[in-house]
Amino acid sequence: MALLEAKNLSISFGGLRAVDEFNISIEKGQLYGLIGPNGAGKTTVFNLLTGVYKPTEGIVTLNGIDITAKKTIDLNKAGIARTFQNIRLFKDLSVLDNVKAALHNHYVYSTFDGIFRTPKFRKCEKAMNERAMELLKVFDLDEKADILASNLPYGKQRKLEIARALATEPKILLLDEPAAGMNPNETLELMETIRFIRDKFDMTILLIEHDMKLVSGICEELTVLNFGRILTKGKTSEVLNNPEVIKAYLGDE
């Protein structure tokens, strides 16, 4: 059984078919890529998978359970986490507090506990601090824990967003163009980080990306989207050698 599956997923905006009969099946532990030009519908697919949009047609399942059109918070609790092309951090919070914000689903205490700082509150805070620091260390951000997230260099802000997503303990992580705005060295480092995440956390990852070097270097399978429809899909080496893909997307690489 696939971990995440979409069947005939479609959505229209004002009569325009933005995504048309999108199908994908991702197995546990897989590193899967979704590519295509600007306007192809990639982020719209992510929004459908994560509850931002409700599909006009089709279904989405997680571990065989229908999760179509559930609220984003419920999908996150079910095990789907994502990052965004435009980084979305709590920039007025510290690096540590950004990660802790994602841990509150797993460490629960009452308003009373929080106000009066009861032993339960102190125990939860200690556990959250320890878990957040463990994740920050994975991304070499532990020494930056106390600075504002907005003061991190761009590439480290990307890493912090991924660390925060992992703090929700997802079954699958969706990364929306994580290399956007990165220089070549940062991109290479990101490739290693994504591989490490998959191996260390036994994580299933769905990646949207324009950087073909990154995609070809880490993704095992690809789906190519064009004008909201699937152009082709399959093993990465086969897809990237497809003449239609080379003509449409790789001609200027």
Protein backbone atom coordinates (compact mmCIF):
# COMPACT_ATOMS: atom_id res chain seq x y z
CA MET A 1 0.00 0.00 0.00
CA ALA A 2 1.28 3.47 -0.92
CA LEU A 3 1.93 5.89 1.92
CA LEU A 4 0.47 8.85 0.02
CA GLU A 5 -1.73 8.51 -3.03
CA ALA A 6 -3.72 10.94 -5.15
CA LYS A 7 -6.26 9.67 -7.67
CA ASN A 8 -7.70 11.85 -10.45
CA LEU A 9 -7.08 14.99 -8.40
CA SER A 10 -8.49 18.07 -10.13
CA ILE A 11 -9.32 21.68 -9.31
CA SER A 12 -10.75 24.59 -11.28
CA PHE A 13 -10.56 28.32 -10.60
CA GLY A 14 -13.15 30.44 -12.39
CA GLY A 15 -13.55 27.85 -15.13
CA LEU A 16 -9.79 27.35 -15.56
CA ARG A 17 -8.62 23.77 -14.97
CA ALA A 18 -5.51 24.41 -12.87
CA VAL A 19 -4.87 20.71 -12.13
CA ASP A 20 -6.48 18.00 -14.21
CA GLU A 21 -6.63 14.31 -13.22
CA PHE A 22 -3.38 14.31 -11.25
CA ASN A 23 -2.29 10.88 -10.03
CA ILE A 24 0.64 10.01 -7.81
CA SER A 25 1.62 7.07 -5.61
CA ILE A 26 4.49 7.45 -3.14
CA GLU A 27 5.87 4.54 -1.14
CA LYS A 28 7.20 4.80 2.41
CA GLY A 29 10.84 5.91 2.44
CA GLN A 30 10.77 7.16 -1.14
CA LEU A 31 12.34 10.42 -2.31
CA TYR A 32 10.01 11.57 -5.08
CA GLY A 33 10.26 14.66 -7.31
CA LEU A 34 7.56 16.79 -8.93
CA ILE A 35 8.91 19.06 -11.67
CA GLY A 36 7.59 21.41 -14.32
CA PRO A 37 7.80 25.04 -15.48
CA ASN A 38 6.32 28.03 -13.70
CA GLY A 39 2.54 27.86 -13.85
CA ALA A 40 2.50 24.10 -14.36
CA GLY A 41 0.42 23.59 -11.21
CA LYS A 42 3.04 22.11 -8.87
CA THR A 43 2.31 24.30 -5.87
CA THR A 44 -1.41 23.91 -6.51
CA VAL A 45 -0.90 20.15 -6.18
CA PHE A 46 0.88 20.73 -2.85
CA ASN A 47 -2.02 22.92 -1.72
CA LEU A 48 -4.46 20.15 -2.59
CA LEU A 49 -2.40 17.54 -0.76
CA THR A 50 -2.07 19.70 2.36
CA GLY A 51 -5.63 20.96 2.66
CA VAL A 52 -5.07 24.56 1.53
CA TYR A 53 -7.41 23.91 -1.42
CA LYS A 54 -10.35 21.53 -1.69
CA PRO A 55 -10.29 19.49 -4.91
CA THR A 56 -13.09 19.77 -7.44
CA GLU A 57 -12.67 16.06 -8.10
CA GLY A 58 -10.53 13.15 -6.96
CA ILE A 59 -9.29 11.80 -3.63
CA VAL A 60 -6.14 11.81 -1.51
CA THR A 61 -5.27 8.96 0.84
CA LEU A 62 -2.63 8.59 3.55
CA ASN A 63 -1.90 4.99 4.53
CA GLY A 64 -5.09 4.05 2.72
CA ILE A 65 -7.27 6.48 4.70
CA ASP A 66 -9.21 9.12 2.76
CA ILE A 67 -7.94 12.56 3.83
CA THR A 68 -9.44 14.55 0.95
CA ALA A 69 -10.18 18.17 1.82
CA LYS A 70 -9.44 17.78 5.54
CA LYS A 71 -8.24 20.94 7.28
CA THR A 72 -4.52 21.68 7.16
CA ILE A 73 -4.13 21.29 10.93
CA ASP A 74 -5.82 17.87 10.81
CA LEU A 75 -3.58 16.76 7.94
CA ASN A 76 -0.54 17.88 9.91
CA LYS A 77 -1.69 15.84 12.89
CA ALA A 78 -2.26 12.88 10.55
CA GLY A 79 1.36 13.07 9.40
CA ILE A 80 1.76 15.51 6.48
CA ALA A 81 4.19 18.43 6.85
CA ARG A 82 5.39 20.92 4.26
CA THR A 83 7.62 23.88 3.61
CA PHE A 84 6.94 26.76 1.23
CA GLN A 85 8.74 28.32 -1.72
CA ASN A 86 8.59 31.66 0.10
CA ILE A 87 10.02 30.90 3.53
CA ARG A 88 7.44 31.17 6.29
CA LEU A 89 9.12 31.49 9.67
CA PHE A 90 8.09 33.24 12.86
CA LYS A 91 10.75 35.84 12.26
CA ASP A 92 10.20 37.68 15.56
CA LEU A 93 10.80 34.46 17.50
CA SER A 94 14.12 32.84 18.21
CA VAL A 95 15.44 29.92 16.21
CA LEU A 96 14.67 27.63 19.16
CA ASP A 97 11.12 28.94 19.62
CA ASN A 98 10.36 28.43 15.92
CA VAL A 99 10.98 24.71 16.35
CA LYS A 100 9.22 24.55 19.72
CA ALA A 101 6.10 26.07 18.11
CA ALA A 102 5.78 22.89 16.04
CA LEU A 103 6.09 20.62 19.08
CA HIS A 104 2.95 21.69 20.93
CA ASN A 105 0.85 18.93 19.34
CA HIS A 106 3.06 16.43 21.15
CA TYR A 107 3.56 18.18 24.50
CA VAL A 108 0.23 19.28 25.98
CA TYR A 109 -0.41 21.27 29.14
CA SER A 110 -3.34 23.39 30.30
CA THR A 111 -3.64 27.17 30.49
CA PHE A 112 -3.52 26.79 34.27
CA ASP A 113 -0.22 24.92 34.00
CA GLY A 114 1.19 27.61 31.74
CA ILE A 115 0.13 30.54 33.92
CA PHE A 116 1.30 29.05 37.19
CA ARG A 117 4.29 27.21 35.72
CA THR A 118 3.35 23.95 37.37
CA PRO A 119 5.66 20.91 37.46
CA LYS A 120 3.79 19.57 34.41
CA PHE A 121 4.53 22.79 32.51
CA ARG A 122 8.21 22.72 33.49
CA LYS A 123 8.48 19.06 32.47
CA CYS A 124 6.93 19.77 29.05
CA GLU A 125 9.12 22.82 28.49
CA LYS A 126 12.25 20.85 29.34
CA ALA A 127 11.27 18.05 26.96
CA MET A 128 10.45 20.50 24.16
CA ASN A 129 13.74 22.35 24.62
CA GLU A 130 15.68 19.11 24.45
CA ARG A 131 13.82 17.85 21.37
CA ALA A 132 14.12 21.21 19.60
CA MET A 133 17.85 21.34 20.26
CA GLU A 134 18.25 17.80 18.91
CA LEU A 135 16.64 18.88 15.64
CA LEU A 136 18.63 22.11 15.44
CA LYS A 137 21.83 20.14 15.89
CA VAL A 138 20.93 18.01 12.86
CA PHE A 139 20.98 21.20 10.79
CA ASP A 140 23.99 22.79 12.54
CA LEU A 141 21.71 25.43 14.00
CA ASP A 142 22.07 24.58 17.69
CA GLU A 143 24.59 27.37 18.27
CA LYS A 144 22.12 29.83 16.71
CA ALA A 145 19.24 28.74 18.97
CA ASP A 146 18.87 32.06 20.80
CA ILE A 147 19.06 34.49 17.88
CA LEU A 148 16.03 35.77 15.98
CA ALA A 149 15.05 33.65 13.01
CA SER A 150 15.09 36.79 10.84
CA ASN A 151 18.81 37.23 11.57
CA LEU A 152 19.78 33.88 10.05
CA PRO A 153 21.38 33.84 6.57
CA TYR A 154 18.95 32.83 3.85
CA GLY A 155 20.22 29.27 3.48
CA LYS A 156 19.96 28.66 7.23
CA GLN A 157 16.42 30.03 7.26
CA ARG A 158 15.59 27.30 4.74
CA LYS A 159 17.08 24.71 7.05
CA LEU A 160 15.18 26.09 10.03
CA GLU A 161 11.89 25.80 8.14
CA ILE A 162 12.66 22.14 7.39
CA ALA A 163 13.65 21.52 11.03
CA ARG A 164 10.36 23.03 12.18
CA ALA A 165 8.42 20.82 9.77
CA LEU A 166 10.23 17.73 11.08
CA ALA A 167 9.32 18.72 14.64
CA THR A 168 5.71 17.77 13.88
CA GLU A 169 6.96 14.18 13.42
CA PRO A 170 5.43 13.71 9.96
CA LYS A 171 5.05 10.53 7.98
CA ILE A 172 5.77 12.46 4.77
CA LEU A 173 7.54 15.78 4.21
CA LEU A 174 6.62 18.00 1.24
CA LEU A 175 9.34 20.47 0.20
CA ASP A 176 8.28 23.29 -2.12
CA GLU A 177 11.38 24.44 -4.05
CA PRO A 178 13.74 24.38 -1.06
CA ALA A 179 16.71 25.41 -3.25
CA ALA A 180 15.02 28.61 -4.46
CA GLY A 181 17.35 31.57 -3.89
CA MET A 182 20.32 29.42 -2.89
CA ASN A 183 23.80 29.67 -4.39
CA PRO A 184 25.44 26.52 -5.85
CA ASN A 185 27.31 25.68 -2.64
CA GLU A 186 24.14 26.02 -0.56
CA THR A 187 22.29 23.83 -3.06
CA LEU A 188 24.90 21.07 -2.79
CA GLU A 189 24.70 21.27 0.99
CA LEU A 190 20.91 21.09 0.77
CA MET A 191 21.12 17.91 -1.34
CA GLU A 192 23.20 16.26 1.37
CA THR A 193 20.79 17.50 4.04
CA ILE A 194 17.75 16.04 2.25
CA ARG A 195 19.49 12.68 1.83
CA PHE A 196 20.48 12.75 5.49
CA ILE A 197 16.91 13.52 6.59
CA ARG A 198 15.54 10.63 4.57
CA ASP A 199 18.08 8.21 6.03
CA LYS A 200 18.19 9.44 9.65
CA PHE A 201 14.44 9.84 10.10
CA ASP A 202 13.36 7.12 7.64
CA MET A 203 11.45 9.97 6.04
CA THR A 204 9.32 9.91 2.91
CA ILE A 205 9.86 13.11 0.89
CA LEU A 206 7.99 14.73 -2.00
CA LEU A 207 10.04 17.50 -3.58
CA ILE A 208 9.02 20.29 -5.95
CA GLU A 209 12.08 21.72 -7.62
CA HIS A 210 13.32 23.62 -10.69
CA ASP A 211 16.97 22.80 -10.09
CA MET A 212 17.48 19.75 -12.32
CA LYS A 213 20.89 18.97 -10.84
CA LEU A 214 19.31 18.67 -7.41
CA VAL A 215 16.40 16.57 -8.70
CA SER A 216 18.58 14.20 -10.69
CA GLY A 217 21.00 13.86 -7.79
CA ILE A 218 18.53 12.79 -5.10
CA CYS A 219 15.10 11.80 -6.48
CA GLU A 220 14.39 8.19 -7.35
CA GLU A 221 11.21 8.86 -9.33
CA LEU A 222 9.77 11.94 -11.00
CA THR A 223 6.44 13.22 -12.22
CA VAL A 224 6.55 16.01 -14.81
CA LEU A 225 3.62 18.43 -14.77
CA ASN A 226 2.68 20.78 -17.61
CA PHE A 227 -0.39 23.01 -17.77
CA GLY A 228 -1.89 21.13 -14.84
CA ARG A 229 -1.60 17.71 -16.47
CA ILE A 230 1.00 14.98 -16.13
CA LEU A 231 3.36 14.94 -19.09
CA THR A 232 5.28 11.85 -17.99
CA LYS A 233 6.39 9.98 -14.88
CA GLY A 234 8.79 7.19 -13.94
CA LYS A 235 12.35 6.52 -12.86
CA THR A 236 14.44 9.70 -12.75
CA SER A 237 16.96 8.59 -15.37
CA GLU A 238 14.18 7.65 -17.79
CA VAL A 239 12.21 10.85 -17.27
CA LEU A 240 15.21 13.15 -17.68
CA ASN A 241 16.14 11.40 -20.94
CA ASN A 242 12.62 11.79 -22.33
CA PRO A 243 12.85 14.02 -25.46
CA GLU A 244 9.67 15.90 -24.49
CA VAL A 245 11.08 16.72 -21.08
CA ILE A 246 14.45 17.74 -22.50
CA LYS A 247 12.76 20.04 -25.01
CA ALA A 248 10.31 21.56 -22.54
CA TYR A 249 12.43 21.90 -19.41
CA LEU A 250 16.07 21.11 -19.94
CA GLY A 251 16.89 22.98 -23.11
CA ASP A 252 18.26 25.96 -21.25
CA GLU A 253 19.96 24.06 -18.43
